[in-house]
Amino acid sequence: MSHLRHVSIFVDEPDPGHFYWVLHESTEDASVWIDIESSPNAFTSWTEAFEAGTVELYRLAADERVGPRVPGEDEDAAPVG
């Protein structure tokens, strides 16, 4: 099975009272994070934005029992060659 993706949620408030969820993911350099998705519309509270972002994070996981995984080679597969 591939590794879990390192994805987190934060809420941004660029203007007072306008809250947006943002999903970001670490790169191979653990100190570097990139935004991968954000809410298209503002929410009126931090809580609403965070909860909506959590729903989007769940959508990244094909199977919520194992979470969002890095696409690629299956580490449990038999070696080839």
N, C-alpha and C. Protein backbone atom coordinates (compact mmCIF):
# COMPACT_ATOMS: atom_id res chain seq x y z
N MET A 1 0.86 -1.18 0.00
CA MET A 1 0.00 0.00 0.00
C MET A 1 0.90 1.24 0.00
N SER A 2 0.50 2.26 -0.72
CA SER A 2 1.28 3.48 -0.81
C SER A 2 1.20 4.28 0.49
N HIS A 3 2.02 5.26 0.61
CA HIS A 3 2.08 6.09 1.82
C HIS A 3 0.90 7.05 1.89
N LEU A 4 0.56 7.44 3.11
CA LEU A 4 -0.43 8.49 3.30
C LEU A 4 0.11 9.81 2.77
N ARG A 5 -0.78 10.58 2.16
CA ARG A 5 -0.41 11.93 1.76
C ARG A 5 -0.38 12.81 3.00
N HIS A 6 0.50 13.78 3.02
CA HIS A 6 0.59 14.72 4.13
C HIS A 6 -0.20 15.97 3.75
N VAL A 7 -1.50 15.90 4.05
CA VAL A 7 -2.43 16.96 3.70
C VAL A 7 -3.01 17.54 4.98
N SER A 8 -3.15 18.85 5.02
CA SER A 8 -3.79 19.47 6.18
C SER A 8 -4.78 20.54 5.71
N ILE A 9 -5.60 20.96 6.66
CA ILE A 9 -6.62 21.98 6.40
C ILE A 9 -6.27 23.21 7.24
N PHE A 10 -6.43 24.36 6.64
CA PHE A 10 -6.42 25.57 7.46
C PHE A 10 -7.50 26.50 6.92
N VAL A 11 -7.86 27.47 7.72
CA VAL A 11 -8.88 28.44 7.33
C VAL A 11 -8.20 29.80 7.20
N ASP A 12 -8.47 30.46 6.08
CA ASP A 12 -7.92 31.78 5.80
C ASP A 12 -9.06 32.80 5.89
N GLU A 13 -8.74 33.98 6.37
CA GLU A 13 -9.71 35.07 6.45
C GLU A 13 -9.09 36.31 5.80
N PRO A 14 -9.11 36.37 4.46
CA PRO A 14 -8.47 37.50 3.78
C PRO A 14 -9.17 38.84 4.04
N ASP A 15 -10.46 38.78 4.29
CA ASP A 15 -11.24 39.97 4.65
C ASP A 15 -12.04 39.62 5.90
N PRO A 16 -12.23 40.57 6.81
CA PRO A 16 -12.97 40.27 8.03
C PRO A 16 -14.34 39.63 7.75
N GLY A 17 -14.57 38.48 8.37
CA GLY A 17 -15.86 37.80 8.23
C GLY A 17 -16.01 36.94 7.00
N HIS A 18 -14.95 36.79 6.20
CA HIS A 18 -14.97 35.97 4.99
C HIS A 18 -13.93 34.86 5.16
N PHE A 19 -14.43 33.65 5.43
CA PHE A 19 -13.56 32.53 5.76
C PHE A 19 -13.53 31.52 4.61
N TYR A 20 -12.34 31.05 4.28
CA TYR A 20 -12.13 30.08 3.20
C TYR A 20 -11.32 28.91 3.75
N TRP A 21 -11.73 27.68 3.42
CA TRP A 21 -10.89 26.53 3.76
C TRP A 21 -9.83 26.38 2.68
N VAL A 22 -8.68 25.87 3.08
CA VAL A 22 -7.58 25.60 2.16
C VAL A 22 -6.99 24.25 2.52
N LEU A 23 -6.81 23.39 1.53
CA LEU A 23 -6.08 22.14 1.72
C LEU A 23 -4.68 22.37 1.18
N HIS A 24 -3.69 21.99 1.97
CA HIS A 24 -2.33 22.07 1.45
C HIS A 24 -1.58 20.79 1.81
N GLU A 25 -0.52 20.53 1.04
CA GLU A 25 0.18 19.27 1.13
C GLU A 25 1.68 19.52 1.16
N SER A 26 2.37 18.72 1.99
CA SER A 26 3.82 18.87 2.04
C SER A 26 4.44 18.25 0.79
N THR A 27 5.59 18.76 0.44
CA THR A 27 6.34 18.25 -0.70
C THR A 27 7.41 17.30 -0.18
N GLU A 28 8.31 16.89 -1.03
CA GLU A 28 9.41 16.04 -0.57
C GLU A 28 10.24 16.75 0.48
N ASP A 29 10.31 18.07 0.42
CA ASP A 29 10.95 18.88 1.45
C ASP A 29 9.85 19.19 2.48
N ALA A 30 9.90 18.56 3.63
CA ALA A 30 8.83 18.67 4.62
C ALA A 30 8.57 20.10 5.09
N SER A 31 9.49 21.01 4.82
CA SER A 31 9.28 22.39 5.23
C SER A 31 8.53 23.20 4.17
N VAL A 32 8.25 22.58 3.02
CA VAL A 32 7.57 23.27 1.92
C VAL A 32 6.19 22.66 1.73
N TRP A 33 5.18 23.51 1.80
CA TRP A 33 3.79 23.09 1.60
C TRP A 33 3.22 23.85 0.41
N ILE A 34 2.36 23.17 -0.36
CA ILE A 34 1.70 23.82 -1.49
C ILE A 34 0.19 23.72 -1.31
N ASP A 35 -0.51 24.76 -1.70
CA ASP A 35 -1.98 24.72 -1.67
C ASP A 35 -2.44 23.82 -2.81
N ILE A 36 -3.34 22.89 -2.50
CA ILE A 36 -3.84 21.99 -3.54
C ILE A 36 -5.30 22.25 -3.88
N GLU A 37 -6.03 22.89 -2.98
CA GLU A 37 -7.44 23.17 -3.25
C GLU A 37 -7.92 24.19 -2.22
N SER A 38 -8.90 24.99 -2.59
CA SER A 38 -9.48 25.94 -1.64
C SER A 38 -10.94 26.17 -1.98
N SER A 39 -11.66 26.68 -1.01
CA SER A 39 -13.09 26.90 -1.22
C SER A 39 -13.30 28.02 -2.23
N PRO A 40 -14.23 27.82 -3.15
CA PRO A 40 -14.50 28.85 -4.16
C PRO A 40 -15.29 30.03 -3.59
N ASN A 41 -16.03 29.77 -2.52
CA ASN A 41 -16.87 30.81 -1.92
C ASN A 41 -16.55 30.96 -0.44
N ALA A 42 -16.80 32.15 0.08
CA ALA A 42 -16.53 32.43 1.49
C ALA A 42 -17.63 31.83 2.38
N PHE A 43 -17.23 31.52 3.61
CA PHE A 43 -18.16 31.10 4.65
C PHE A 43 -18.23 32.22 5.68
N THR A 44 -19.32 32.25 6.44
CA THR A 44 -19.50 33.33 7.41
C THR A 44 -18.86 33.04 8.76
N SER A 45 -18.35 31.82 8.95
CA SER A 45 -17.67 31.51 10.21
C SER A 45 -16.49 30.58 9.95
N TRP A 46 -15.54 30.64 10.86
CA TRP A 46 -14.37 29.76 10.80
C TRP A 46 -14.82 28.30 10.85
N THR A 47 -15.78 28.00 11.73
CA THR A 47 -16.24 26.63 11.91
C THR A 47 -16.85 26.07 10.63
N GLU A 48 -17.71 26.84 9.98
CA GLU A 48 -18.31 26.38 8.72
C GLU A 48 -17.25 26.09 7.67
N ALA A 49 -16.27 26.98 7.57
CA ALA A 49 -15.21 26.79 6.58
C ALA A 49 -14.39 25.54 6.91
N PHE A 50 -14.04 25.36 8.17
CA PHE A 50 -13.24 24.21 8.56
C PHE A 50 -13.99 22.90 8.31
N GLU A 51 -15.26 22.85 8.66
CA GLU A 51 -16.06 21.64 8.44
C GLU A 51 -16.17 21.32 6.95
N ALA A 52 -16.37 22.33 6.12
CA ALA A 52 -16.45 22.10 4.67
C ALA A 52 -15.10 21.62 4.13
N GLY A 53 -14.01 22.15 4.65
CA GLY A 53 -12.68 21.69 4.26
C GLY A 53 -12.44 20.25 4.64
N THR A 54 -12.95 19.85 5.79
CA THR A 54 -12.83 18.46 6.24
C THR A 54 -13.55 17.52 5.28
N VAL A 55 -14.72 17.93 4.80
CA VAL A 55 -15.45 17.13 3.82
C VAL A 55 -14.59 16.96 2.56
N GLU A 56 -13.95 18.02 2.12
CA GLU A 56 -13.10 17.93 0.93
C GLU A 56 -11.89 17.04 1.17
N LEU A 57 -11.34 17.06 2.38
CA LEU A 57 -10.23 16.17 2.70
C LEU A 57 -10.67 14.71 2.63
N TYR A 58 -11.85 14.40 3.14
CA TYR A 58 -12.38 13.04 3.03
C TYR A 58 -12.50 12.61 1.57
N ARG A 59 -12.84 13.53 0.69
CA ARG A 59 -13.00 13.19 -0.73
C ARG A 59 -11.69 12.79 -1.39
N LEU A 60 -10.56 13.19 -0.80
CA LEU A 60 -9.27 12.79 -1.36
C LEU A 60 -8.97 11.31 -1.13
N ALA A 61 -9.70 10.70 -0.21
CA ALA A 61 -9.46 9.30 0.13
C ALA A 61 -10.42 8.40 -0.64
N ALA A 62 -9.88 7.52 -1.46
CA ALA A 62 -10.73 6.56 -2.17
C ALA A 62 -11.38 5.62 -1.17
N ASP A 63 -10.69 5.34 -0.06
CA ASP A 63 -11.20 4.48 1.01
C ASP A 63 -10.94 5.19 2.32
N GLU A 64 -11.99 5.66 2.98
CA GLU A 64 -11.80 6.45 4.19
C GLU A 64 -11.19 5.65 5.35
N ARG A 65 -11.18 4.33 5.22
CA ARG A 65 -10.55 3.51 6.27
C ARG A 65 -9.03 3.63 6.25
N VAL A 66 -8.46 3.96 5.09
CA VAL A 66 -7.00 4.06 4.98
C VAL A 66 -6.52 5.46 4.62
N GLY A 67 -7.42 6.38 4.34
CA GLY A 67 -7.05 7.77 4.10
C GLY A 67 -6.53 8.04 2.70
N PRO A 68 -6.20 9.30 2.44
CA PRO A 68 -5.69 9.68 1.12
C PRO A 68 -4.27 9.14 0.93
N ARG A 69 -4.04 8.48 -0.17
CA ARG A 69 -2.75 7.83 -0.42
C ARG A 69 -2.02 8.47 -1.58
N VAL A 70 -0.70 8.40 -1.54
CA VAL A 70 0.13 8.87 -2.64
C VAL A 70 -0.06 7.91 -3.81
N PRO A 71 -0.38 8.41 -4.99
CA PRO A 71 -0.51 7.51 -6.13
C PRO A 71 0.85 6.93 -6.49
N GLY A 72 0.83 5.73 -7.00
CA GLY A 72 2.10 5.13 -7.43
C GLY A 72 2.18 3.67 -7.07
N GLU A 73 3.40 3.21 -6.96
CA GLU A 73 3.68 1.79 -6.76
C GLU A 73 3.13 1.30 -5.42
N ASP A 74 2.58 0.10 -5.44
CA ASP A 74 2.07 -0.55 -4.24
C ASP A 74 3.25 -1.20 -3.53
N GLU A 75 3.56 -0.73 -2.31
CA GLU A 75 4.71 -1.26 -1.58
C GLU A 75 4.55 -2.72 -1.17
N ASP A 76 3.31 -3.22 -1.12
CA ASP A 76 3.07 -4.59 -0.71
C ASP A 76 3.06 -5.56 -1.90
N ALA A 77 3.19 -5.01 -3.08
CA ALA A 77 3.17 -5.87 -4.29
C ALA A 77 4.46 -6.69 -4.35
N ALA A 78 4.36 -7.85 -5.00
CA ALA A 78 5.53 -8.70 -5.17
C ALA A 78 6.54 -8.00 -6.07
N PRO A 79 7.84 -8.15 -5.76
CA PRO A 79 8.85 -7.53 -6.62
C PRO A 79 8.85 -8.10 -8.02
N VAL A 80 9.20 -7.30 -8.99
CA VAL A 80 9.23 -7.73 -10.38
C VAL A 80 10.69 -7.88 -10.80
N GLY A 81 10.98 -8.96 -11.54
CA GLY A 81 12.31 -9.10 -12.10
C GLY A 81 13.05 -10.12 -11.44
